[in-house]
Amino acid sequence: MPKVVYVSAGGDESVIDAQVGESVMAAAVRNGVPGIIGECGGQLSCATCHVWVREPFRERVGDPGELEADLLDLGVSDFTEASRLGCQIHVTEELDGIVVEPRPESWH
């Protein structure tokens, strides 16, 4: 079972077992990870699952699609090249051990 590592702003880590195909947001919400709300339920209409993806996983995850990039640009204050919406990152075996930083302080 692939693992997702969520790192808080204070450096605390939550290591979660995720199902293949489950989103990074859904795994966080299911396990009560602080900083990820997923208010829209993964419908790509909020930014409450904004995460920064750490290297070396950025290339594996890829860039956001056009709608996701627009939402990130409009919906978060700390949009960077590492920014993705957790609802749009689906766990695969290749992403086992992915490290993300929830960005709750960035919501407008």
C-alpha atoms as a PDB file:
ATOM      1  CA  MET A   1       0.000   0.000   0.000  1.00  0.00           C
ATOM      2  CA  PRO A   2       1.531   3.356  -1.036  1.00  0.00           C
ATOM      3  CA  LYS A   3       2.322   5.884   1.653  1.00  0.00           C
ATOM      4  CA  VAL A   4       1.785   9.635   1.585  1.00  0.00           C
ATOM      5  CA  VAL A   5       3.849  11.810   3.927  1.00  0.00           C
ATOM      6  CA  TYR A   6       2.214  15.085   5.009  1.00  0.00           C
ATOM      7  CA  VAL A   7       4.597  17.606   6.598  1.00  0.00           C
ATOM      8  CA  SER A   8       3.133  20.456   8.643  1.00  0.00           C
ATOM      9  CA  ALA A   9       4.581  23.970   8.699  1.00  0.00           C
ATOM     10  CA  GLY A  10       6.110  23.038  12.059  1.00  0.00           C
ATOM     11  CA  GLY A  11       7.840  19.987  10.579  1.00  0.00           C
ATOM     12  CA  ASP A  12       5.563  17.317  12.065  1.00  0.00           C
ATOM     13  CA  GLU A  13       5.048  14.357   9.744  1.00  0.00           C
ATOM     14  CA  SER A  14       1.928  12.244   9.270  1.00  0.00           C
ATOM     15  CA  VAL A  15       2.576   9.068   7.283  1.00  0.00           C
ATOM     16  CA  ILE A  16      -0.647   7.673   5.838  1.00  0.00           C
ATOM     17  CA  ASP A  17      -1.387   4.460   3.969  1.00  0.00           C
ATOM     18  CA  ALA A  18      -3.338   5.363   0.835  1.00  0.00           C
ATOM     19  CA  GLN A  19      -5.228   3.231  -1.632  1.00  0.00           C
ATOM     20  CA  VAL A  20      -4.008   3.205  -5.233  1.00  0.00           C
ATOM     21  CA  GLY A  21      -6.255   5.641  -7.099  1.00  0.00           C
ATOM     22  CA  GLU A  22      -7.209   7.584  -3.973  1.00  0.00           C
ATOM     23  CA  SER A  23      -6.392  11.290  -4.033  1.00  0.00           C
ATOM     24  CA  VAL A  24      -3.859  12.862  -1.702  1.00  0.00           C
ATOM     25  CA  MET A  25      -6.760  14.999  -0.401  1.00  0.00           C
ATOM     26  CA  ALA A  26      -9.071  12.038   0.263  1.00  0.00           C
ATOM     27  CA  ALA A  27      -6.368  10.127   2.149  1.00  0.00           C
ATOM     28  CA  ALA A  28      -5.700  13.213   4.294  1.00  0.00           C
ATOM     29  CA  VAL A  29      -9.364  13.864   5.066  1.00  0.00           C
ATOM     30  CA  ARG A  30      -9.998  10.181   5.833  1.00  0.00           C
ATOM     31  CA  ASN A  31      -7.144  10.249   8.352  1.00  0.00           C
ATOM     32  CA  GLY A  32      -7.683  13.708   9.868  1.00  0.00           C
ATOM     33  CA  VAL A  33      -4.459  15.241   8.599  1.00  0.00           C
ATOM     34  CA  PRO A  34      -4.320  18.874   9.766  1.00  0.00           C
ATOM     35  CA  GLY A  35      -4.329  21.533   7.071  1.00  0.00           C
ATOM     36  CA  ILE A  36      -6.355  19.737   4.413  1.00  0.00           C
ATOM     37  CA  ILE A  37     -10.096  20.231   4.459  1.00  0.00           C
ATOM     38  CA  GLY A  38     -11.193  19.324   0.943  1.00  0.00           C
ATOM     39  CA  GLU A  39     -14.251  21.529   1.302  1.00  0.00           C
ATOM     40  CA  CYS A  40     -15.554  20.835  -2.235  1.00  0.00           C
ATOM     41  CA  GLY A  41     -14.988  17.080  -1.952  1.00  0.00           C
ATOM     42  CA  GLY A  42     -12.477  17.005  -4.788  1.00  0.00           C
ATOM     43  CA  GLN A  43     -14.631  18.775  -7.380  1.00  0.00           C
ATOM     44  CA  LEU A  44     -11.902  21.268  -8.344  1.00  0.00           C
ATOM     45  CA  SER A  45     -13.839  24.238  -7.031  1.00  0.00           C
ATOM     46  CA  CYS A  46     -11.927  25.285  -3.910  1.00  0.00           C
ATOM     47  CA  ALA A  47      -8.305  25.365  -2.820  1.00  0.00           C
ATOM     48  CA  THR A  48      -8.632  23.882   0.670  1.00  0.00           C
ATOM     49  CA  CYS A  49      -6.440  20.939  -0.325  1.00  0.00           C
ATOM     50  CA  HIS A  50      -3.523  23.050  -1.612  1.00  0.00           C
ATOM     51  CA  VAL A  51      -0.194  21.319  -1.062  1.00  0.00           C
ATOM     52  CA  TRP A  52       3.393  21.888  -2.039  1.00  0.00           C
ATOM     53  CA  VAL A  53       4.864  18.736  -3.557  1.00  0.00           C
ATOM     54  CA  ARG A  54       8.462  18.134  -2.528  1.00  0.00           C
ATOM     55  CA  GLU A  55      11.212  16.940  -4.826  1.00  0.00           C
ATOM     56  CA  PRO A  56      11.776  14.373  -6.284  1.00  0.00           C
ATOM     57  CA  PHE A  57       8.028  13.815  -6.643  1.00  0.00           C
ATOM     58  CA  ARG A  58       7.192  17.027  -8.546  1.00  0.00           C
ATOM     59  CA  GLU A  59       8.216  15.596 -11.898  1.00  0.00           C
ATOM     60  CA  ARG A  60       6.332  12.340 -11.245  1.00  0.00           C
ATOM     61  CA  VAL A  61       3.181  14.247 -10.296  1.00  0.00           C
ATOM     62  CA  GLY A  62       3.478  16.648 -13.217  1.00  0.00           C
ATOM     63  CA  ASP A  63       2.164  20.134 -13.707  1.00  0.00           C
ATOM     64  CA  PRO A  64      -1.390  21.167 -12.874  1.00  0.00           C
ATOM     65  CA  GLY A  65      -3.953  21.151 -15.649  1.00  0.00           C
ATOM     66  CA  GLU A  66      -5.371  24.447 -16.893  1.00  0.00           C
ATOM     67  CA  LEU A  67      -8.391  24.541 -14.549  1.00  0.00           C
ATOM     68  CA  GLU A  68      -6.288  23.525 -11.548  1.00  0.00           C
ATOM     69  CA  ALA A  69      -3.635  26.153 -12.361  1.00  0.00           C
ATOM     70  CA  ASP A  70      -6.318  28.847 -12.657  1.00  0.00           C
ATOM     71  CA  LEU A  71      -7.840  27.883  -9.316  1.00  0.00           C
ATOM     72  CA  LEU A  72      -4.430  27.852  -7.637  1.00  0.00           C
ATOM     73  CA  ASP A  73      -3.543  31.215  -9.148  1.00  0.00           C
ATOM     74  CA  LEU A  74      -6.801  32.783  -7.966  1.00  0.00           C
ATOM     75  CA  GLY A  75      -7.390  30.827  -4.763  1.00  0.00           C
ATOM     76  CA  VAL A  76      -4.082  30.746  -2.878  1.00  0.00           C
ATOM     77  CA  SER A  77      -1.642  33.414  -1.779  1.00  0.00           C
ATOM     78  CA  ASP A  78       1.513  31.268  -1.888  1.00  0.00           C
ATOM     79  CA  PHE A  79       1.237  29.669  -5.344  1.00  0.00           C
ATOM     80  CA  THR A  80       4.615  28.288  -6.460  1.00  0.00           C
ATOM     81  CA  GLU A  81       5.879  25.755  -8.984  1.00  0.00           C
ATOM     82  CA  ALA A  82       5.474  23.155  -6.214  1.00  0.00           C
ATOM     83  CA  SER A  83       1.756  23.942  -5.797  1.00  0.00           C
ATOM     84  CA  ARG A  84      -0.878  21.352  -6.581  1.00  0.00           C
ATOM     85  CA  LEU A  85      -4.371  20.596  -5.360  1.00  0.00           C
ATOM     86  CA  GLY A  86      -4.340  17.363  -3.386  1.00  0.00           C
ATOM     87  CA  CYS A  87      -7.629  16.329  -4.983  1.00  0.00           C
ATOM     88  CA  GLN A  88      -5.907  16.224  -8.361  1.00  0.00           C
ATOM     89  CA  ILE A  89      -3.002  13.995  -7.286  1.00  0.00           C
ATOM     90  CA  HIS A  90      -4.037  10.361  -7.427  1.00  0.00           C
ATOM     91  CA  VAL A  91      -1.847   7.881  -5.564  1.00  0.00           C
ATOM     92  CA  THR A  92      -0.009   5.268  -7.611  1.00  0.00           C
ATOM     93  CA  GLU A  93       2.704   2.771  -6.730  1.00  0.00           C
ATOM     94  CA  GLU A  94       5.147   5.158  -8.457  1.00  0.00           C
ATOM     95  CA  LEU A  95       4.177   7.868  -5.945  1.00  0.00           C
ATOM     96  CA  ASP A  96       4.777   5.652  -2.890  1.00  0.00           C
ATOM     97  CA  GLY A  97       6.406   7.877  -0.265  1.00  0.00           C
ATOM     98  CA  ILE A  98       5.326  11.166  -1.860  1.00  0.00           C
ATOM     99  CA  VAL A  99       5.960  14.093   0.474  1.00  0.00           C
ATOM    100  CA  VAL A 100       3.560  17.033   0.477  1.00  0.00           C
ATOM    101  CA  GLU A 101       3.178  20.111   2.645  1.00  0.00           C
ATOM    102  CA  PRO A 102      -0.435  21.210   3.303  1.00  0.00           C
ATOM    103  CA  ARG A 103      -0.746  24.990   2.871  1.00  0.00           C
ATOM    104  CA  PRO A 104      -3.853  25.998   4.898  1.00  0.00           C
ATOM    105  CA  GLU A 105      -2.516  29.472   5.620  1.00  0.00           C
ATOM    106  CA  SER A 106      -2.641  30.238   1.893  1.00  0.00           C
ATOM    107  CA  TRP A 107      -6.420  30.160   1.484  1.00  0.00           C
ATOM    108  CA  HIS A 108      -8.048  33.458   0.570  1.00  0.00           C
END
